[in-house]
């Protein structure tokens, strides 16, 4: 696998070292961070410099590989694996990726451990890039003829391999005939406003930014033909965890009778969870909600609930688009078929 094949909009791997685009600074500044091992990689993931379930998995895989290369041995492998696995709880891709790198390193033995870990991380990256292209094609085939699309959070190359997941579908639809996108701003950290709008502009896709609370009303007025989002974890029955606000978008789509589509690689499916009730929902710090732009906007001491994700029942999902095909509807039997 060539080193050149590991370049990416938000991640650069030269065969030994990793650089990631600090997404907390976009769109104002494009600053690249150099990462060296498990600890700084986990810190970048926790503070959302790196985000998006598939991209987190890719980055964590490289983080563990670098940790083992820097300090070969079982102790370093196990410590790095634990640090990275605990960085964020909801996205299953992270656990899947570091588990794979750990298993490859253990199987190789002490002498070849670092090389095996590096090769497995590169393999995960290549698989996610390939998955993105297949998701784009499968989703565009499913939504052929759709021209007005709503989306939530960020699901492009800043969140996944290749062109992304849901945003890859949108970009493919645009290439095939043009679309118009309503992008939800995605409070409280504005991934839609800061990141999705940035990617849509770079892709030349006509779009408008929408306040989260306004999206349902625009859907009711008939301004949207379909909604498509990404996913951070999909349970065995098709229940889907995604950025908080996804559930309300799914409810609005159902009320309006338009398709609500979820797009993501099969690495996001967690067959060990029978349904969404078992998905751990990350609660982030209240300071993300108490202020805006560095300015305090609440009465001091105000209590805050800040769930980063919510769970959309499979009954509200029209289809799950993956690189292996489309589950429509995404029930247990269809999920099993996708996973083979």
Protein backbone atom coordinates (compact mmCIF):
# COMPACT_ATOMS: atom_id res chain seq x y z
CA UNK A 1 0.00 0.00 0.00
CA UNK A 2 1.55 3.29 -1.04
CA UNK A 3 2.07 6.14 1.37
CA UNK A 4 0.40 8.48 -1.15
CA UNK A 5 -2.79 6.47 -0.82
CA UNK A 6 -3.05 7.60 2.81
CA UNK A 7 -3.55 11.32 2.09
CA UNK A 8 -6.92 12.80 3.05
CA UNK A 9 -8.69 16.12 3.42
CA UNK A 10 -8.41 15.96 7.22
CA UNK A 11 -5.64 13.41 7.81
CA UNK A 12 -2.13 12.92 6.43
CA UNK A 13 -0.08 9.79 7.02
CA UNK A 14 3.47 9.61 5.66
CA UNK A 15 4.10 6.03 6.66
CA UNK A 16 5.49 6.92 10.09
CA UNK A 17 3.82 10.09 11.37
CA UNK A 18 0.31 11.52 11.44
CA UNK A 19 -1.00 15.04 10.90
CA UNK A 20 -4.65 15.96 11.41
CA UNK A 21 -6.60 19.08 10.51
CA UNK A 22 -7.77 20.81 13.71
CA UNK A 23 -11.51 20.96 13.07
CA UNK A 24 -12.17 23.18 16.08
CA UNK A 25 -10.59 26.08 14.14
CA UNK A 26 -12.50 25.66 10.88
CA UNK A 27 -13.54 27.54 8.82
CA UNK A 28 -11.49 30.44 10.14
CA UNK A 29 -8.11 28.73 9.99
CA UNK A 30 -6.69 25.52 8.55
CA UNK A 31 -4.18 24.36 11.15
CA UNK A 32 -2.55 20.91 11.05
CA UNK A 33 -1.61 19.12 14.27
CA UNK A 34 1.25 16.63 14.42
CA UNK A 35 0.41 13.58 16.53
CA UNK A 36 2.96 11.14 17.88
CA UNK A 37 1.23 8.44 19.91
CA UNK A 38 -1.77 7.29 21.90
CA UNK A 39 -2.00 10.12 24.42
CA UNK A 40 -1.99 13.10 22.09
CA UNK A 41 -4.20 11.25 19.59
CA UNK A 42 -6.76 10.50 22.32
CA UNK A 43 -6.62 14.13 23.47
CA UNK A 44 -7.27 15.37 19.92
CA UNK A 45 -10.27 13.04 19.66
CA UNK A 46 -11.69 14.09 23.04
CA UNK A 47 -11.53 17.81 22.27
CA UNK A 48 -13.05 17.27 18.79
CA UNK A 49 -10.01 18.36 16.82
CA UNK A 50 -10.75 15.04 15.15
CA UNK A 51 -14.39 14.01 14.91
CA UNK A 52 -16.80 11.87 12.91
CA UNK A 53 -17.08 8.18 13.72
CA UNK A 54 -15.12 6.70 10.77
CA UNK A 55 -12.40 9.40 10.94
CA UNK A 56 -12.04 8.85 14.69
CA UNK A 57 -11.48 5.16 14.01
CA UNK A 58 -8.87 5.81 11.33
CA UNK A 59 -7.03 8.33 13.50
CA UNK A 60 -7.08 6.11 16.58
CA UNK A 61 -5.70 3.21 14.54
CA UNK A 62 -2.73 5.33 13.52
CA UNK A 63 -2.36 6.60 17.10
CA UNK A 64 -1.98 3.06 18.41
CA UNK A 65 0.40 2.11 15.60
CA UNK A 66 2.61 5.11 16.42
CA UNK A 67 2.54 4.25 20.11
CA UNK A 68 3.78 0.74 19.42
CA UNK A 69 6.45 1.99 17.02
CA UNK A 70 7.67 4.53 19.55
CA UNK A 71 7.85 2.04 22.41
CA UNK A 72 7.60 -1.55 21.16
CA UNK A 73 6.25 -4.12 23.57
CA UNK A 74 3.11 -5.58 25.03
CA UNK A 75 2.86 -2.98 27.80
CA UNK A 76 2.88 -0.08 25.37
CA UNK A 77 0.34 -1.80 23.14
CA UNK A 78 -2.09 -2.50 25.97
CA UNK A 79 -1.79 0.94 27.54
CA UNK A 80 -2.23 2.73 24.21
CA UNK A 81 -5.19 0.52 23.33
CA UNK A 82 -6.95 1.37 26.61
CA UNK A 83 -6.25 5.11 26.34
CA UNK A 84 -7.60 5.33 22.81
CA UNK A 85 -10.56 3.01 23.32
CA UNK A 86 -11.81 5.22 26.16
CA UNK A 87 -11.38 8.53 24.31
CA UNK A 88 -15.06 8.76 23.30
CA UNK A 89 -17.75 6.21 24.16
CA UNK A 90 -20.51 6.43 21.54
CA UNK A 91 -18.85 5.89 18.15
CA UNK A 92 -18.18 2.17 17.73
CA UNK A 93 -15.67 2.71 14.89
CA UNK A 94 -13.05 3.80 17.41
CA UNK A 95 -13.26 0.54 19.36
CA UNK A 96 -13.40 -1.55 16.19
CA UNK A 97 -10.28 0.14 14.77
CA UNK A 98 -8.02 -0.07 17.82
CA UNK A 99 -9.19 -3.63 18.47
CA UNK A 100 -8.08 -4.57 14.96
CA UNK A 101 -4.68 -2.89 15.32
CA UNK A 102 -4.14 -4.54 18.71
CA UNK A 103 -5.09 -7.98 17.35
CA UNK A 104 -2.76 -7.59 14.37
CA UNK A 105 0.12 -6.55 16.62
CA UNK A 106 -0.44 -9.43 19.01
CA UNK A 107 -0.61 -11.93 16.18
CA UNK A 108 2.67 -10.66 14.71
CA UNK A 109 4.68 -11.09 17.90
CA UNK A 110 7.30 -8.80 19.48
CA UNK A 111 9.70 -8.52 16.54
CA UNK A 112 7.10 -7.56 13.91
CA UNK A 113 4.57 -5.88 16.20
CA UNK A 114 5.16 -2.30 15.04
CA UNK A 115 5.10 -3.15 11.34
CA UNK A 116 1.92 -5.19 11.72
CA UNK A 117 0.18 -2.40 13.64
CA UNK A 118 1.16 0.15 11.00
CA UNK A 119 -0.03 -2.07 8.16
CA UNK A 120 -3.38 -2.69 9.84
CA UNK A 121 -3.94 1.04 10.43
CA UNK A 122 -3.22 1.73 6.75
CA UNK A 123 -5.58 -1.08 5.79
CA UNK A 124 -8.38 0.43 7.88
CA UNK A 125 -7.81 3.80 6.21
CA UNK A 126 -7.95 2.28 2.72
CA UNK A 127 -11.11 0.34 3.59
CA UNK A 128 -12.87 3.49 4.82
CA UNK A 129 -11.91 5.36 1.64
CA UNK A 130 -13.31 2.53 -0.49
CA UNK A 131 -16.43 2.32 1.67
CA UNK A 132 -17.11 6.02 1.13
CA UNK A 133 -17.14 5.66 -2.65
CA UNK A 134 -19.48 2.66 -2.50
CA UNK A 135 -21.79 4.47 -0.06
CA UNK A 136 -21.89 7.48 -2.42
CA UNK A 137 -22.93 5.31 -5.35
CA UNK A 138 -25.46 3.23 -3.40
CA UNK A 139 -27.04 6.29 -1.82
CA UNK A 140 -27.23 8.22 -5.07
CA UNK A 141 -28.91 5.27 -6.74
CA UNK A 142 -31.43 5.09 -3.89
CA UNK A 143 -32.20 8.82 -4.00
CA UNK A 144 -32.07 9.25 -7.77
CA UNK A 145 -34.24 12.18 -8.77
CA UNK A 146 -34.14 13.85 -5.33
CA UNK A 147 -33.10 17.47 -5.63
CA UNK A 148 -33.86 19.10 -2.24
CA UNK A 149 -32.08 17.49 0.69
CA UNK A 150 -31.84 18.21 4.42
CA UNK A 151 -28.87 17.05 6.46
CA UNK A 152 -27.59 17.41 10.01
CA UNK A 153 -24.10 17.66 11.52
CA UNK A 154 -21.08 16.93 9.33
CA UNK A 155 -20.67 13.73 7.33
CA UNK A 156 -18.11 14.62 4.68
CA UNK A 157 -14.38 14.02 4.37
CA UNK A 158 -13.97 15.82 7.70
CA UNK A 159 -15.85 12.97 9.34
CA UNK A 160 -14.98 9.83 7.37
CA UNK A 161 -12.84 8.30 4.67
CA UNK A 162 -13.03 9.41 1.04
CA UNK A 163 -15.76 11.97 0.45
CA UNK A 164 -17.57 10.95 3.64
CA UNK A 165 -20.87 9.16 4.19
CA UNK A 166 -24.12 11.11 3.87
CA UNK A 167 -22.27 14.06 2.36
CA UNK A 168 -20.61 11.70 -0.11
CA UNK A 169 -24.10 10.72 -1.28
CA UNK A 170 -25.02 14.40 -1.62
CA UNK A 171 -21.85 15.14 -3.58
CA UNK A 172 -22.54 12.20 -5.89
CA UNK A 173 -26.14 13.32 -6.45
CA UNK A 174 -24.85 16.79 -7.25
CA UNK A 175 -22.39 15.35 -9.77
CA UNK A 176 -25.19 13.37 -11.40
CA UNK A 177 -27.61 16.24 -11.83
CA UNK A 178 -27.49 18.85 -9.10
CA UNK A 179 -29.02 19.22 -5.66
CA UNK A 180 -29.87 21.94 -3.16
CA UNK A 181 -29.01 21.28 0.49
CA UNK A 182 -30.51 22.64 3.69
CA UNK A 183 -27.76 22.15 6.29
CA UNK A 184 -28.72 22.20 9.96
CA UNK A 185 -26.33 24.30 12.04
CA UNK A 186 -25.96 21.53 14.67
CA UNK A 187 -25.80 23.14 18.09
CA UNK A 188 -23.97 23.57 20.39
CA UNK A 189 -20.68 23.20 18.49
CA UNK A 190 -22.00 24.10 15.02
CA UNK A 191 -20.49 21.27 13.00
CA UNK A 192 -23.08 21.94 10.31
CA UNK A 193 -22.45 25.67 10.19
CA UNK A 194 -18.67 25.45 10.43
CA UNK A 195 -17.86 22.20 8.66
CA UNK A 196 -20.69 21.03 6.38
CA UNK A 197 -21.11 24.49 4.87
CA UNK A 198 -17.33 24.62 4.34
CA UNK A 199 -17.34 21.27 2.53
CA UNK A 200 -20.42 22.08 0.45
CA UNK A 201 -18.85 25.37 -0.64
CA UNK A 202 -15.63 23.58 -1.59
CA UNK A 203 -17.70 21.09 -3.60
CA UNK A 204 -19.69 23.78 -5.39
CA UNK A 205 -23.00 22.47 -4.01
CA UNK A 206 -25.82 25.04 -3.64
CA UNK A 207 -26.85 25.16 0.01
CA UNK A 208 -28.45 27.20 2.75
CA UNK A 209 -27.69 27.09 6.46
CA UNK A 210 -30.71 26.47 8.68
CA UNK A 211 -31.12 27.04 12.42
CA UNK A 212 -31.74 23.63 13.97
CA UNK A 213 -35.12 24.65 15.35
CA UNK A 214 -36.31 25.85 11.92
CA UNK A 215 -35.71 22.64 9.99
CA UNK A 216 -38.93 20.87 10.97
CA UNK A 217 -41.03 23.83 9.89
CA UNK A 218 -39.33 24.01 6.49
CA UNK A 219 -39.90 20.29 6.00
CA UNK A 220 -43.59 20.70 6.87
CA UNK A 221 -43.85 23.47 4.26
CA UNK A 222 -42.70 21.04 1.58
CA UNK A 223 -39.23 22.47 1.00
CA UNK A 224 -37.39 19.14 1.40
CA UNK A 225 -37.66 15.94 -0.66
CA UNK A 226 -35.52 13.73 1.59
CA UNK A 227 -33.28 13.89 4.66
CA UNK A 228 -29.97 12.07 4.93
CA UNK A 229 -27.62 11.87 7.91
CA UNK A 230 -24.63 9.85 9.07
CA UNK A 231 -24.34 7.56 12.08
CA UNK A 232 -22.04 6.93 15.03
CA UNK A 233 -23.40 3.54 16.03
CA UNK A 234 -26.11 1.30 14.59
CA UNK A 235 -27.59 -1.44 16.77
CA UNK A 236 -28.44 -4.90 15.44
CA UNK A 237 -32.09 -3.93 14.96
CA UNK A 238 -31.29 -0.73 13.03
CA UNK A 239 -31.70 1.79 15.86
CA UNK A 240 -29.18 4.55 15.14
CA UNK A 241 -27.14 6.87 17.34
CA UNK A 242 -26.10 10.10 15.68
CA UNK A 243 -25.42 13.72 16.55
CA UNK A 244 -28.04 15.14 18.91
CA UNK A 245 -30.90 16.60 16.90
CA UNK A 246 -31.09 13.69 14.49
CA UNK A 247 -34.12 12.17 16.22
CA UNK A 248 -36.14 15.36 15.83
CA UNK A 249 -35.21 15.52 12.14
CA UNK A 250 -36.40 11.92 11.71
CA UNK A 251 -39.70 12.75 13.41
CA UNK A 252 -40.21 15.75 11.12
CA UNK A 253 -39.46 13.63 8.04
CA UNK A 254 -41.93 10.95 9.12
CA UNK A 255 -44.65 13.55 9.77
CA UNK A 256 -44.09 15.02 6.29
CA UNK A 257 -43.95 11.63 4.57
CA UNK A 258 -40.46 12.07 3.12
CA UNK A 259 -37.59 9.55 3.25
CA UNK A 260 -35.21 9.68 6.21
CA UNK A 261 -31.98 7.94 5.20
CA UNK A 262 -28.95 7.01 7.30
CA UNK A 263 -25.58 6.49 5.58
CA UNK A 264 -22.51 4.88 7.08
CA UNK A 265 -19.97 2.10 6.69
CA UNK A 266 -20.66 -1.34 8.14
CA UNK A 267 -17.85 -0.61 10.63
CA UNK A 268 -20.44 1.60 12.37
CA UNK A 269 -22.81 -1.33 12.97
CA UNK A 270 -22.53 -2.92 16.42
CA UNK A 271 -24.12 -6.39 16.21
CA UNK A 272 -23.45 -6.96 19.92
CA UNK A 273 -26.19 -4.46 20.82
CA UNK A 274 -29.71 -5.79 20.18
CA UNK A 275 -31.22 -2.29 20.13
CA UNK A 276 -30.49 1.37 20.73
CA UNK A 277 -31.22 1.24 24.45
CA UNK A 278 -27.76 -0.21 24.97
CA UNK A 279 -25.91 2.61 23.20
CA UNK A 280 -23.94 4.75 25.63
CA UNK A 281 -24.72 8.42 25.02
CA UNK A 282 -21.82 10.75 25.71
CA UNK A 283 -22.64 13.70 27.99
CA UNK A 284 -20.24 16.56 27.36
CA UNK A 285 -19.37 19.50 29.59
CA UNK A 286 -21.86 22.26 30.26
CA UNK A 287 -19.47 25.00 29.17
CA UNK A 288 -20.18 24.06 25.54
CA UNK A 289 -23.76 25.27 26.11
CA UNK A 290 -23.40 28.07 28.67
CA UNK A 291 -21.53 30.39 26.32
CA UNK A 292 -21.10 31.30 22.68
CA UNK A 293 -18.00 32.69 21.02
CA UNK A 294 -16.27 33.02 24.37
CA UNK A 295 -19.13 35.05 25.85
CA UNK A 296 -21.14 33.70 28.80
CA UNK A 297 -24.83 33.62 27.81
CA UNK A 298 -26.42 32.13 30.95
CA UNK A 299 -26.84 33.04 34.58
CA UNK A 300 -23.76 31.77 36.48
CA UNK A 301 -24.36 28.34 37.96
CA UNK A 302 -27.07 27.35 35.46
CA UNK A 303 -27.35 23.56 35.29
CA UNK A 304 -26.86 22.07 31.82
CA UNK A 305 -27.70 18.81 30.06
CA UNK A 306 -25.45 18.32 27.08
CA UNK A 307 -25.95 14.92 25.42
CA UNK A 308 -23.77 14.76 22.31
CA UNK A 309 -25.95 12.17 20.58
CA UNK A 310 -29.50 10.82 20.44
CA UNK A 311 -30.96 7.54 19.22
CA UNK A 312 -33.39 7.31 16.31
CA UNK A 313 -35.55 4.15 16.32
CA UNK A 314 -35.24 1.96 13.25
CA UNK A 315 -38.96 2.42 12.65
CA UNK A 316 -38.25 6.04 11.62
CA UNK A 317 -35.41 5.15 9.24
CA UNK A 318 -36.40 4.59 5.61
CA UNK A 319 -33.08 3.02 4.63
CA UNK A 320 -29.55 2.40 5.87
CA UNK A 321 -27.00 2.92 3.09
CA UNK A 322 -23.67 1.12 3.47
CA UNK A 323 -20.80 0.10 1.24
CA UNK A 324 -22.26 -3.41 1.07
CA UNK A 325 -25.69 -2.34 -0.04
CA UNK A 326 -28.90 -0.77 1.26
CA UNK A 327 -31.03 -2.11 4.10
CA UNK A 328 -34.57 -0.93 3.35
CA UNK A 329 -36.02 -0.94 5.92
CA UNK A 330 -33.07 -1.47 8.29
CA UNK A 331 -34.54 -4.23 10.46
CA UNK A 332 -32.64 -7.07 12.14
CA UNK A 333 -32.83 -9.38 9.14
CA UNK A 334 -31.52 -6.72 6.78
CA UNK A 335 -28.68 -5.83 9.17
CA UNK A 336 -27.66 -9.48 9.43
CA UNK A 337 -27.68 -9.76 5.62
CA UNK A 338 -25.43 -6.69 5.30
CA UNK A 339 -22.91 -8.10 7.74
CA UNK A 340 -22.90 -11.43 5.91
